[in-house]
Amino acid sequence: MGILRLEGEVERPTELAFEDLAGLPGQVHDLSELVPGREGRAVKLASLLDRAGLRGVATHATLASSDGAFAASVPLDGLADAVIVYRDGDGALPERRGGPFRFLIPEGGACASAEIDQCANVKFLATIRLTVGRAEDTRPTNPTEHASLHSHEED
């Protein structure tokens, strides 16, 4: 099982495991109600931010993958509906589906269409860093990079 870290502009830097996420308020028991065709269980990002004590100065969330190869820095004010997917059936979200934790913005726009887009739906999520201003963002910046990124996606 993995650990999801919240750090940066929070009162209490926090590490959460599968059981911790399952015990938080703001559960989304059927992900397909938010995103048709998606399966699993999630918890609202707001619940994690409440637990860690988001500082009022934070403006962005940087979402980083466990391998350090991918990060997206997005404005917090556009993440009201964002969730962390962590469960598939009775167990943890498997790695083949982007687990153990996967960040999902239900209404994200098409890639490269805005700061909050589908490319900010981070698989293998390991860290959520709250910052003042935009931080590290490795999302593709041209059509060829986007095509390469999405050719590796399964779900």
C-alpha atoms as a PDB file:
ATOM      1  CA  MET A   1       0.000   0.000   0.000  1.00  0.00           C
ATOM      2  CA  GLY A   2       1.113   3.528  -0.650  1.00  0.00           C
ATOM      3  CA  ILE A   3       1.214   6.734   1.322  1.00  0.00           C
ATOM      4  CA  LEU A   4      -0.189  10.027   0.093  1.00  0.00           C
ATOM      5  CA  ARG A   5       1.552  13.139   1.455  1.00  0.00           C
ATOM      6  CA  LEU A   6       0.111  16.629   1.838  1.00  0.00           C
ATOM      7  CA  GLU A   7       2.745  19.296   2.387  1.00  0.00           C
ATOM      8  CA  GLY A   8       3.603  22.916   1.813  1.00  0.00           C
ATOM      9  CA  GLU A   9       1.090  25.568   2.841  1.00  0.00           C
ATOM     10  CA  VAL A  10      -0.743  23.385   5.374  1.00  0.00           C
ATOM     11  CA  GLU A  11      -0.904  23.633   9.161  1.00  0.00           C
ATOM     12  CA  ARG A  12      -0.232  19.928   9.610  1.00  0.00           C
ATOM     13  CA  PRO A  13       1.839  18.113   6.983  1.00  0.00           C
ATOM     14  CA  THR A  14      -0.030  14.852   6.634  1.00  0.00           C
ATOM     15  CA  GLU A  15       0.574  11.303   5.428  1.00  0.00           C
ATOM     16  CA  LEU A  16      -2.464   9.213   4.557  1.00  0.00           C
ATOM     17  CA  ALA A  17      -2.758   5.509   3.795  1.00  0.00           C
ATOM     18  CA  PHE A  18      -5.694   3.623   2.268  1.00  0.00           C
ATOM     19  CA  GLU A  19      -7.392   3.192   5.664  1.00  0.00           C
ATOM     20  CA  ASP A  20      -7.028   6.899   6.446  1.00  0.00           C
ATOM     21  CA  LEU A  21      -8.690   7.904   3.184  1.00  0.00           C
ATOM     22  CA  ALA A  22     -11.504   5.417   3.790  1.00  0.00           C
ATOM     23  CA  GLY A  23     -12.173   7.028   7.185  1.00  0.00           C
ATOM     24  CA  LEU A  24     -12.450  10.622   5.961  1.00  0.00           C
ATOM     25  CA  PRO A  25     -15.746  12.427   5.384  1.00  0.00           C
ATOM     26  CA  GLY A  26     -16.599  13.337   1.797  1.00  0.00           C
ATOM     27  CA  GLN A  27     -16.672   9.814   0.399  1.00  0.00           C
ATOM     28  CA  VAL A  28     -17.776   9.270  -3.180  1.00  0.00           C
ATOM     29  CA  HIS A  29     -19.041   5.694  -3.028  1.00  0.00           C
ATOM     30  CA  ASP A  30     -19.712   5.339  -6.745  1.00  0.00           C
ATOM     31  CA  LEU A  31     -17.291   7.253  -8.950  1.00  0.00           C
ATOM     32  CA  SER A  32     -19.486   6.679 -12.011  1.00  0.00           C
ATOM     33  CA  GLU A  33     -21.976   9.169 -10.543  1.00  0.00           C
ATOM     34  CA  LEU A  34     -19.350  11.899 -11.010  1.00  0.00           C
ATOM     35  CA  VAL A  35     -17.691  10.595 -14.151  1.00  0.00           C
ATOM     36  CA  PRO A  36     -19.719   8.188 -16.279  1.00  0.00           C
ATOM     37  CA  GLY A  37     -17.699   5.109 -17.156  1.00  0.00           C
ATOM     38  CA  ARG A  38     -15.297   5.447 -14.210  1.00  0.00           C
ATOM     39  CA  GLU A  39     -15.370   2.845 -11.476  1.00  0.00           C
ATOM     40  CA  GLY A  40     -14.181   2.881  -7.903  1.00  0.00           C
ATOM     41  CA  ARG A  41     -14.479   4.872  -4.731  1.00  0.00           C
ATOM     42  CA  ALA A  42     -12.950   8.252  -4.001  1.00  0.00           C
ATOM     43  CA  VAL A  43     -12.768  10.936  -1.358  1.00  0.00           C
ATOM     44  CA  LYS A  44     -13.124  14.648  -2.012  1.00  0.00           C
ATOM     45  CA  LEU A  45      -9.910  16.667  -2.072  1.00  0.00           C
ATOM     46  CA  ALA A  46     -11.562  19.149   0.293  1.00  0.00           C
ATOM     47  CA  SER A  47     -11.634  16.486   3.031  1.00  0.00           C
ATOM     48  CA  LEU A  48      -7.870  15.989   2.771  1.00  0.00           C
ATOM     49  CA  LEU A  49      -7.253  19.739   2.815  1.00  0.00           C
ATOM     50  CA  ASP A  50      -9.455  20.093   5.909  1.00  0.00           C
ATOM     51  CA  ARG A  51      -7.504  17.345   7.652  1.00  0.00           C
ATOM     52  CA  ALA A  52      -4.157  18.980   6.866  1.00  0.00           C
ATOM     53  CA  GLY A  53      -5.371  22.511   7.628  1.00  0.00           C
ATOM     54  CA  LEU A  54      -4.997  24.428   4.388  1.00  0.00           C
ATOM     55  CA  ARG A  55      -3.390  27.834   4.958  1.00  0.00           C
ATOM     56  CA  GLY A  56      -5.270  30.777   3.460  1.00  0.00           C
ATOM     57  CA  VAL A  57      -2.235  31.900   1.454  1.00  0.00           C
ATOM     58  CA  ALA A  58      -2.200  28.760  -0.729  1.00  0.00           C
ATOM     59  CA  THR A  59      -3.297  29.355  -4.321  1.00  0.00           C
ATOM     60  CA  HIS A  60      -2.156  26.193  -6.142  1.00  0.00           C
ATOM     61  CA  ALA A  61      -1.896  22.450  -5.665  1.00  0.00           C
ATOM     62  CA  THR A  62       1.020  20.628  -7.232  1.00  0.00           C
ATOM     63  CA  LEU A  63       0.128  16.993  -7.838  1.00  0.00           C
ATOM     64  CA  ALA A  64       3.171  14.759  -8.170  1.00  0.00           C
ATOM     65  CA  SER A  65       3.439  11.130  -9.220  1.00  0.00           C
ATOM     66  CA  SER A  66       5.282   8.561  -7.118  1.00  0.00           C
ATOM     67  CA  ASP A  67       8.074   8.141  -9.684  1.00  0.00           C
ATOM     68  CA  GLY A  68       8.747  11.889  -9.771  1.00  0.00           C
ATOM     69  CA  ALA A  69       8.330  11.934 -13.547  1.00  0.00           C
ATOM     70  CA  PHE A  70       5.058  13.855 -13.649  1.00  0.00           C
ATOM     71  CA  ALA A  71       3.683  16.906 -11.855  1.00  0.00           C
ATOM     72  CA  ALA A  72       0.813  19.296 -12.516  1.00  0.00           C
ATOM     73  CA  SER A  73       0.404  22.630 -10.722  1.00  0.00           C
ATOM     74  CA  VAL A  74      -3.200  23.829 -10.809  1.00  0.00           C
ATOM     75  CA  PRO A  75      -5.158  26.684  -9.169  1.00  0.00           C
ATOM     76  CA  LEU A  76      -7.010  25.606  -6.040  1.00  0.00           C
ATOM     77  CA  ASP A  77     -10.074  27.651  -6.932  1.00  0.00           C
ATOM     78  CA  GLY A  78     -10.814  25.236  -9.782  1.00  0.00           C
ATOM     79  CA  LEU A  79     -10.586  22.070  -7.713  1.00  0.00           C
ATOM     80  CA  ALA A  80     -13.844  22.221  -5.758  1.00  0.00           C
ATOM     81  CA  ASP A  81     -15.021  18.918  -7.262  1.00  0.00           C
ATOM     82  CA  ALA A  82     -11.637  17.147  -7.381  1.00  0.00           C
ATOM     83  CA  VAL A  83     -11.334  13.708  -5.803  1.00  0.00           C
ATOM     84  CA  ILE A  84      -8.692  11.172  -4.884  1.00  0.00           C
ATOM     85  CA  VAL A  85      -9.594   7.731  -6.230  1.00  0.00           C
ATOM     86  CA  TYR A  86      -8.277   5.052  -3.876  1.00  0.00           C
ATOM     87  CA  ARG A  87     -10.570   2.014  -3.988  1.00  0.00           C
ATOM     88  CA  ASP A  88     -11.513  -0.518  -6.625  1.00  0.00           C
ATOM     89  CA  GLY A  89     -14.199  -2.896  -5.363  1.00  0.00           C
ATOM     90  CA  ASP A  90     -13.221  -4.076  -1.897  1.00  0.00           C
ATOM     91  CA  GLY A  91      -9.519  -3.321  -2.208  1.00  0.00           C
ATOM     92  CA  ALA A  92      -7.035  -0.633  -3.066  1.00  0.00           C
ATOM     93  CA  LEU A  93      -6.920   0.905  -6.536  1.00  0.00           C
ATOM     94  CA  PRO A  94      -4.440  -1.289  -8.429  1.00  0.00           C
ATOM     95  CA  GLU A  95      -1.351   0.090 -10.105  1.00  0.00           C
ATOM     96  CA  ARG A  96      -2.680  -0.952 -13.535  1.00  0.00           C
ATOM     97  CA  ARG A  97      -5.465   1.627 -12.981  1.00  0.00           C
ATOM     98  CA  GLY A  98      -3.136   4.376 -11.728  1.00  0.00           C
ATOM     99  CA  GLY A  99      -3.158   3.388  -8.049  1.00  0.00           C
ATOM    100  CA  PRO A 100      -2.776   3.249  -5.242  1.00  0.00           C
ATOM    101  CA  PHE A 101      -3.976   6.886  -5.470  1.00  0.00           C
ATOM    102  CA  ARG A 102      -5.199   8.775  -8.488  1.00  0.00           C
ATOM    103  CA  PHE A 103      -6.170  12.444  -8.708  1.00  0.00           C
ATOM    104  CA  LEU A 104      -9.272  13.163 -10.760  1.00  0.00           C
ATOM    105  CA  ILE A 105     -10.940  16.422 -11.785  1.00  0.00           C
ATOM    106  CA  PRO A 106     -14.433  15.430 -12.940  1.00  0.00           C
ATOM    107  CA  GLU A 107     -14.973  18.493 -15.125  1.00  0.00           C
ATOM    108  CA  GLY A 108     -11.415  19.012 -16.392  1.00  0.00           C
ATOM    109  CA  GLY A 109     -11.202  20.500 -19.860  1.00  0.00           C
ATOM    110  CA  ALA A 110      -9.413  18.981 -22.811  1.00  0.00           C
ATOM    111  CA  CYS A 111      -5.647  18.759 -22.454  1.00  0.00           C
ATOM    112  CA  ALA A 112      -3.781  22.004 -23.097  1.00  0.00           C
ATOM    113  CA  SER A 113      -7.044  23.953 -23.051  1.00  0.00           C
ATOM    114  CA  ALA A 114      -6.603  25.567 -19.625  1.00  0.00           C
ATOM    115  CA  GLU A 115      -4.645  25.314 -16.380  1.00  0.00           C
ATOM    116  CA  ILE A 116      -7.193  22.800 -15.130  1.00  0.00           C
ATOM    117  CA  ASP A 117      -7.362  20.121 -17.777  1.00  0.00           C
ATOM    118  CA  GLN A 118      -7.476  16.354 -18.126  1.00  0.00           C
ATOM    119  CA  CYS A 119      -3.684  16.190 -18.016  1.00  0.00           C
ATOM    120  CA  ALA A 120      -3.912  17.227 -14.354  1.00  0.00           C
ATOM    121  CA  ASN A 121      -5.624  13.894 -13.607  1.00  0.00           C
ATOM    122  CA  VAL A 122      -2.495  12.404 -12.083  1.00  0.00           C
ATOM    123  CA  LYS A 123      -2.001   8.643 -11.875  1.00  0.00           C
ATOM    124  CA  PHE A 124       0.230   7.121  -9.173  1.00  0.00           C
ATOM    125  CA  LEU A 125      -0.320  10.221  -7.018  1.00  0.00           C
ATOM    126  CA  ALA A 126       2.149  10.429  -4.118  1.00  0.00           C
ATOM    127  CA  THR A 127       2.282  14.099  -3.093  1.00  0.00           C
ATOM    128  CA  ILE A 128      -0.045  17.075  -3.000  1.00  0.00           C
ATOM    129  CA  ARG A 129       2.038  20.188  -2.355  1.00  0.00           C
ATOM    130  CA  LEU A 130       0.119  23.373  -1.589  1.00  0.00           C
ATOM    131  CA  THR A 131       1.911  26.504  -2.765  1.00  0.00           C
ATOM    132  CA  VAL A 132       1.614  30.253  -3.172  1.00  0.00           C
ATOM    133  CA  GLY A 133       1.664  30.580  -6.946  1.00  0.00           C
ATOM    134  CA  ARG A 134       2.300  28.004  -9.604  1.00  0.00           C
ATOM    135  CA  ALA A 135       5.051  25.448  -8.981  1.00  0.00           C
ATOM    136  CA  GLU A 136       6.564  22.503 -10.866  1.00  0.00           C
ATOM    137  CA  ASP A 137       4.454  21.456 -13.833  1.00  0.00           C
ATOM    138  CA  THR A 138       5.696  18.839 -16.288  1.00  0.00           C
ATOM    139  CA  ARG A 139       2.521  18.490 -18.345  1.00  0.00           C
ATOM    140  CA  PRO A 140       3.164  18.272 -22.080  1.00  0.00           C
ATOM    141  CA  THR A 141       3.279  21.590 -23.904  1.00  0.00           C
ATOM    142  CA  ASN A 142       2.897  20.517 -27.524  1.00  0.00           C
ATOM    143  CA  PRO A 143       0.675  18.094 -29.485  1.00  0.00           C
ATOM    144  CA  THR A 144       3.400  15.480 -29.957  1.00  0.00           C
ATOM    145  CA  GLU A 145       4.138  15.327 -26.206  1.00  0.00           C
ATOM    146  CA  HIS A 146       0.409  15.085 -25.463  1.00  0.00           C
ATOM    147  CA  ALA A 147      -0.020  12.218 -27.911  1.00  0.00           C
ATOM    148  CA  SER A 148       2.923  10.379 -26.366  1.00  0.00           C
ATOM    149  CA  LEU A 149       1.565  10.821 -22.835  1.00  0.00           C
ATOM    150  CA  HIS A 150      -1.899   9.589 -23.726  1.00  0.00           C
ATOM    151  CA  SER A 151      -0.657   6.638 -25.763  1.00  0.00           C
ATOM    152  CA  HIS A 152       0.579   5.138 -22.456  1.00  0.00           C
ATOM    153  CA  GLU A 153      -2.765   5.470 -20.690  1.00  0.00           C
ATOM    154  CA  GLU A 154      -4.979   2.437 -20.155  1.00  0.00           C
ATOM    155  CA  ASP A 155      -7.833   3.879 -18.060  1.00  0.00           C
END
